[in-house]
Amino acid sequence: MEYIAEDMNMKKTALFLFIAFFTLCLSGCATTPDETYRDTSGESIQYGVARQLRYEDVPVPNNFFPVPSESLAVESQSARISSMRYKGRADRIRVINFYKANMPTYGWELMNLIEGSQVIMNYSNGDEICTIVLMGEGGDITMTISLSPEDKK
């Protein structure tokens, strides 16, 4: 009987965390005003930082919109683990340059960049890894931003 009661308490706690997570997702956070950036060719980038972000330290171009049904985040006092999906219309190179220009201002350092049919950018802030994956071409881009604790072996 003790195990059944313990299992019910765990289920109630999981349900509470699930509801709290979606409440937080819907509320968002205010960010800085839009800014214009220049890419490596000197061309003006029209993508400012979105006014509402899931995390204050991970920018998202303002023309990308969250896809909650394809996103998941788990947070505690000591760790953030998430995979957030966004969709938008953008030039892939400009999105890459957006992140190269913006991530350092939020405390992230580029670890590596892999370009192919997908673009994978890995950033570190010393405590966490942020992986940004861009898929699609021709203007329609699906972007996944994942956060996880950095393995300090």
Protein backbone atom coordinates (compact mmCIF):
# COMPACT_ATOMS: atom_id res chain seq x y z
CA MET A 1 0.00 0.00 0.00
CA GLU A 2 2.86 2.33 0.80
CA TYR A 3 4.22 1.94 -2.73
CA ILE A 4 0.85 2.75 -4.31
CA ALA A 5 0.53 5.97 -2.28
CA GLU A 6 4.09 6.93 -3.19
CA ASP A 7 3.36 6.29 -6.89
CA MET A 8 0.22 8.48 -6.73
CA ASN A 9 2.20 11.31 -5.12
CA MET A 10 4.80 11.09 -7.90
CA LYS A 11 2.06 11.25 -10.55
CA LYS A 12 0.48 14.29 -8.89
CA THR A 13 3.87 16.02 -8.71
CA ALA A 14 4.56 15.26 -12.40
CA LEU A 15 1.13 16.65 -13.38
CA PHE A 16 1.75 19.82 -11.35
CA LEU A 17 5.17 20.33 -13.00
CA PHE A 18 3.65 19.77 -16.45
CA ILE A 19 0.93 22.41 -15.83
CA ALA A 20 3.47 24.84 -14.35
CA PHE A 21 5.75 24.40 -17.39
CA PHE A 22 3.00 25.25 -19.88
CA THR A 23 1.91 28.23 -17.79
CA LEU A 24 5.47 29.55 -17.93
CA CYS A 25 5.66 28.92 -21.69
CA LEU A 26 2.56 30.98 -22.31
CA SER A 27 3.67 33.93 -20.18
CA GLY A 28 7.06 34.70 -21.87
CA CYS A 29 9.56 37.39 -20.90
CA ALA A 30 10.16 40.93 -22.12
CA THR A 31 13.45 41.57 -23.94
CA THR A 32 15.41 44.42 -25.41
CA PRO A 33 14.17 46.41 -28.42
CA ASP A 34 14.86 45.27 -31.98
CA GLU A 35 18.29 46.07 -33.32
CA THR A 36 19.89 45.86 -36.74
CA TYR A 37 23.05 43.80 -37.19
CA ARG A 38 25.47 43.57 -40.09
CA ASP A 39 26.64 40.25 -41.42
CA THR A 40 30.19 39.53 -42.55
CA SER A 41 29.57 41.07 -45.98
CA GLY A 42 28.36 44.30 -44.35
CA GLU A 43 24.76 43.64 -45.41
CA SER A 44 22.11 44.75 -42.91
CA ILE A 45 20.33 41.91 -41.07
CA GLN A 46 16.66 42.62 -40.51
CA TYR A 47 16.27 40.09 -37.72
CA GLY A 48 16.05 41.70 -34.31
CA VAL A 49 15.62 39.72 -31.12
CA ALA A 50 12.07 38.57 -30.45
CA ARG A 51 10.25 40.52 -27.75
CA GLN A 52 9.22 37.36 -25.91
CA LEU A 53 11.77 34.63 -25.25
CA ARG A 54 11.60 31.28 -23.50
CA TYR A 55 14.93 32.03 -21.83
CA GLU A 56 16.32 35.52 -21.27
CA ASP A 57 19.84 34.42 -22.25
CA VAL A 58 19.01 32.65 -25.54
CA PRO A 59 17.92 35.04 -28.31
CA VAL A 60 15.45 34.10 -31.05
CA PRO A 61 15.06 36.13 -34.28
CA ASN A 62 11.87 38.18 -34.15
CA ASN A 63 10.33 36.49 -37.20
CA PHE A 64 10.40 33.01 -35.62
CA PHE A 65 7.46 31.62 -33.71
CA PRO A 66 7.38 28.82 -31.11
CA VAL A 67 5.81 25.44 -31.85
CA PRO A 68 4.68 24.35 -28.37
CA SER A 69 3.42 20.94 -29.55
CA GLU A 70 6.98 20.08 -30.65
CA SER A 71 8.78 21.56 -27.63
CA LEU A 72 9.70 20.31 -24.19
CA ALA A 73 11.48 21.90 -21.23
CA VAL A 74 12.35 20.64 -17.77
CA GLU A 75 13.83 23.05 -15.25
CA SER A 76 15.02 22.79 -11.68
CA GLN A 77 17.00 25.09 -9.44
CA SER A 78 20.22 23.58 -10.73
CA ALA A 79 19.58 22.68 -14.39
CA ARG A 80 17.68 23.50 -17.57
CA ILE A 81 17.04 20.77 -20.11
CA SER A 82 14.95 21.72 -23.10
CA SER A 83 14.29 21.28 -26.78
CA MET A 84 12.31 24.22 -28.13
CA ARG A 85 11.07 24.20 -31.75
CA TYR A 86 10.51 27.40 -33.78
CA LYS A 87 9.39 28.06 -37.34
CA GLY A 88 9.90 31.12 -39.48
CA ARG A 89 10.71 32.54 -42.89
CA ALA A 90 14.33 33.59 -43.15
CA ASP A 91 17.54 33.25 -45.09
CA ARG A 92 19.60 30.51 -43.43
CA ILE A 93 22.89 32.44 -43.70
CA ARG A 94 21.32 35.47 -42.05
CA VAL A 95 20.06 33.34 -39.16
CA ILE A 96 23.56 31.89 -38.71
CA ASN A 97 24.99 35.42 -38.67
CA PHE A 98 22.26 36.53 -36.24
CA TYR A 99 23.45 33.91 -33.77
CA LYS A 100 27.13 34.65 -34.36
CA ALA A 101 26.44 38.32 -33.59
CA ASN A 102 24.04 37.86 -30.67
CA MET A 103 25.03 34.80 -28.66
CA PRO A 104 28.27 36.37 -27.31
CA THR A 105 26.28 39.33 -25.92
CA TYR A 106 24.21 36.82 -23.93
CA GLY A 107 27.33 35.11 -22.53
CA TRP A 108 27.59 32.21 -25.02
CA GLU A 109 30.78 31.19 -26.85
CA LEU A 110 30.66 29.37 -30.20
CA MET A 111 32.21 25.89 -29.84
CA ASN A 112 31.60 24.66 -33.38
CA LEU A 113 29.48 25.16 -36.48
CA ILE A 114 28.54 22.31 -38.81
CA GLU A 115 26.94 23.14 -42.17
CA GLY A 116 25.33 20.63 -44.50
CA SER A 117 21.70 19.79 -45.19
CA GLN A 118 21.23 21.05 -41.64
CA VAL A 119 23.16 23.70 -39.75
CA ILE A 120 24.25 22.81 -36.22
CA MET A 121 25.72 25.47 -33.94
CA ASN A 122 27.00 24.50 -30.48
CA TYR A 123 27.53 27.19 -27.85
CA SER A 124 28.77 27.04 -24.26
CA ASN A 125 28.42 29.46 -21.36
CA GLY A 126 30.67 27.41 -19.08
CA ASP A 127 27.76 25.70 -17.30
CA GLU A 128 25.46 24.73 -20.16
CA ILE A 129 25.52 23.72 -23.81
CA CYS A 130 23.11 25.39 -26.24
CA THR A 131 22.65 23.61 -29.56
CA ILE A 132 20.86 25.39 -32.39
CA VAL A 133 19.78 23.29 -35.38
CA LEU A 134 18.44 24.92 -38.55
CA MET A 135 16.56 22.78 -41.09
CA GLY A 136 15.08 23.80 -44.41
CA GLU A 137 15.96 26.17 -47.19
CA GLY A 138 14.23 28.57 -49.52
CA GLY A 139 12.99 30.76 -46.71
CA ASP A 140 11.04 28.23 -44.62
CA ILE A 141 13.22 27.39 -41.63
CA THR A 142 12.54 25.08 -38.71
CA MET A 143 14.85 25.79 -35.79
CA THR A 144 15.42 23.70 -32.67
CA ILE A 145 17.17 25.24 -29.67
CA SER A 146 18.30 22.71 -27.07
CA LEU A 147 19.79 23.41 -23.64
CA SER A 148 21.54 20.94 -21.37
CA PRO A 149 24.07 21.02 -18.54
CA GLU A 150 27.69 20.92 -19.69
CA ASP A 151 29.50 17.70 -18.80
CA LYS A 152 32.49 18.76 -16.69
CA LYS A 153 34.50 15.52 -16.75
